[in-house]
Amino acid sequence: QLQLVESGGASVQPGGSLKLSCAASGSPSDYYSIGWFRQAPGKEREGIACISGRNQNTYYTDSMKGRFTISRDNAKNTVFLQMNSLKPEDTGDYYCAGRHPTRGNYDYWGQGTQVTVSS
C-alpha cells in the first residue's frame, strides 16, 4: 500500500506563498502519478495539478496555472506544491493523492493539510 502524508499548510496573508509537501511511503512511489487537490469550505473538491511517475509530466487545471507549481523529488519520495500569490479563495484543505498508472482513479489519499489565506 501507498501512504501519503501532507504537510506545510499554514495561515498566510493574501499575496503570500506556501510550499506544501506530500511524503510517500510503503509502495515505491516513483511509479505513481501524484495529484494535488483542494476543498474549500462548503465547496466540492477540485483538482489542482498532477505529476506522472515515469517522465514527471505535469498537468494543471487551467485556473491554477501560473501561481501553482507541482514538482517531485523521487530520491526523497516527496511531491511538492509551490503556491504563490495566494488569495483568500485559495483557503481550504489540500490533499495529495496517488494513482497507479494502470488505473484511472486516485486510490490513495493523504489526510490533508489546512491552508488559510486572510488579512
Protein backbone atom coordinates (compact mmCIF):
# COMPACT_ATOMS: atom_id res chain seq x y z
CA GLN A 1 0.00 0.00 0.00
CA LEU A 2 0.98 3.58 -0.60
CA GLN A 3 0.78 6.01 2.30
CA LEU A 4 0.76 9.76 1.76
CA VAL A 5 1.21 12.50 4.34
CA GLU A 6 0.78 16.18 3.54
CA SER A 7 2.48 18.97 5.42
CA GLY A 8 3.21 22.66 5.08
CA GLY A 9 -0.24 24.17 5.44
CA ALA A 10 -0.47 27.41 7.36
CA SER A 11 -2.25 30.73 7.71
CA VAL A 12 -0.84 33.41 5.42
CA GLN A 13 -1.65 36.91 4.22
CA PRO A 14 -3.03 37.48 0.72
CA GLY A 15 -0.14 37.60 -1.72
CA GLY A 16 1.94 35.25 0.37
CA SER A 17 3.45 31.90 -0.57
CA LEU A 18 3.45 28.38 0.77
CA LYS A 19 5.16 25.17 -0.25
CA LEU A 20 3.24 22.03 0.56
CA SER A 21 4.89 18.62 0.77
CA CYS A 22 3.49 15.15 0.17
CA ALA A 23 5.67 12.43 1.64
CA ALA A 24 5.13 8.91 0.31
CA SER A 25 5.93 5.62 1.98
CA GLY A 26 5.03 1.97 1.61
CA SER A 27 4.88 1.07 -2.07
CA PRO A 28 7.57 2.53 -4.36
CA SER A 29 6.16 5.95 -5.07
CA ASP A 30 8.06 6.78 -8.26
CA TYR A 31 5.69 4.57 -10.26
CA TYR A 32 2.60 6.53 -9.25
CA SER A 33 1.16 9.73 -10.56
CA ILE A 34 0.62 12.14 -7.70
CA GLY A 35 -2.04 14.80 -7.73
CA TRP A 36 -2.87 17.76 -5.54
CA PHE A 37 -6.48 18.56 -4.75
CA ARG A 38 -8.23 21.03 -2.53
CA GLN A 39 -11.61 21.54 -0.95
CA ALA A 40 -12.75 24.98 0.11
CA PRO A 41 -15.27 25.34 2.93
CA GLY A 42 -18.72 24.49 1.61
CA LYS A 43 -17.36 23.63 -1.84
CA GLU A 44 -16.66 20.44 -3.76
CA ARG A 45 -13.16 19.05 -4.08
CA GLU A 46 -11.25 20.26 -7.12
CA GLY A 47 -8.06 19.19 -8.81
CA ILE A 48 -5.04 21.46 -8.86
CA ALA A 49 -2.25 19.64 -10.62
CA CYS A 50 -0.70 16.23 -11.09
CA ILE A 51 2.70 14.87 -11.99
CA SER A 52 3.46 11.49 -13.53
CA GLY A 53 5.90 9.00 -12.09
CA ARG A 54 7.98 7.88 -15.07
CA ASN A 55 8.57 11.08 -17.01
CA GLN A 56 7.38 13.63 -14.46
CA ASN A 57 4.98 15.17 -16.93
CA THR A 58 2.78 17.77 -15.32
CA TYR A 59 -0.81 18.79 -15.72
CA TYR A 60 -2.54 21.83 -14.29
CA THR A 61 -6.11 22.85 -14.00
CA ASP A 62 -6.31 25.96 -16.17
CA SER A 63 -7.32 28.21 -13.30
CA MET A 64 -4.29 27.08 -11.30
CA LYS A 65 -1.62 27.74 -13.92
CA GLY A 66 0.91 30.41 -13.16
CA ARG A 67 0.52 30.58 -9.40
CA PHE A 68 0.88 26.89 -8.51
CA THR A 69 3.78 24.62 -9.46
CA ILE A 70 3.97 20.87 -8.87
CA SER A 71 7.27 19.03 -8.66
CA ARG A 72 8.65 15.81 -7.25
CA ASP A 73 11.88 14.55 -5.77
CA ASN A 74 11.83 10.79 -6.19
CA ALA A 75 15.03 10.38 -4.19
CA LYS A 76 13.15 11.82 -1.23
CA ASN A 77 9.82 10.19 -2.13
CA THR A 78 8.21 13.60 -1.93
CA VAL A 79 5.95 15.67 -4.16
CA PHE A 80 5.68 19.42 -3.67
CA LEU A 81 3.17 22.10 -4.46
CA GLN A 82 4.57 25.62 -4.57
CA MET A 83 1.81 28.18 -4.16
CA ASN A 84 2.45 31.86 -4.85
CA SER A 85 0.32 35.00 -4.86
CA LEU A 86 -2.21 33.35 -2.60
CA LYS A 87 -5.75 34.68 -2.49
CA PRO A 88 -8.49 34.31 0.13
CA GLU A 89 -10.33 31.95 -2.23
CA ASP A 90 -7.36 29.58 -2.01
CA THR A 91 -8.38 28.80 1.56
CA GLY A 92 -9.24 25.16 2.13
CA ASP A 93 -7.97 21.68 2.87
CA TYR A 94 -5.26 20.48 0.50
CA TYR A 95 -4.77 16.81 -0.28
CA CYS A 96 -2.31 14.75 -2.25
CA ALA A 97 -3.35 11.51 -3.89
CA GLY A 98 -1.67 8.66 -5.73
CA ARG A 99 -2.81 6.97 -8.93
CA HIS A 100 -1.32 3.76 -10.25
CA PRO A 101 -0.56 4.03 -13.99
CA THR A 102 -2.98 1.17 -14.77
CA ARG A 103 -5.90 2.86 -13.05
CA GLY A 104 -7.92 5.93 -13.88
CA ASN A 105 -8.80 6.87 -10.34
CA TYR A 106 -6.79 8.06 -7.37
CA ASP A 107 -6.87 5.22 -4.84
CA TYR A 108 -4.51 6.58 -2.19
CA TRP A 109 -5.09 9.80 -0.30
CA GLY A 110 -3.37 11.73 2.42
CA GLN A 111 -5.09 13.19 5.45
CA GLY A 112 -4.95 16.76 4.19
CA THR A 113 -3.32 19.95 5.37
CA GLN A 114 -5.13 23.22 6.03
CA VAL A 115 -4.37 26.44 4.19
CA THR A 116 -5.92 29.72 5.29
CA VAL A 117 -5.41 32.95 3.36
CA SER A 118 -6.80 36.01 5.12
CA SER A 119 -5.95 39.57 6.03
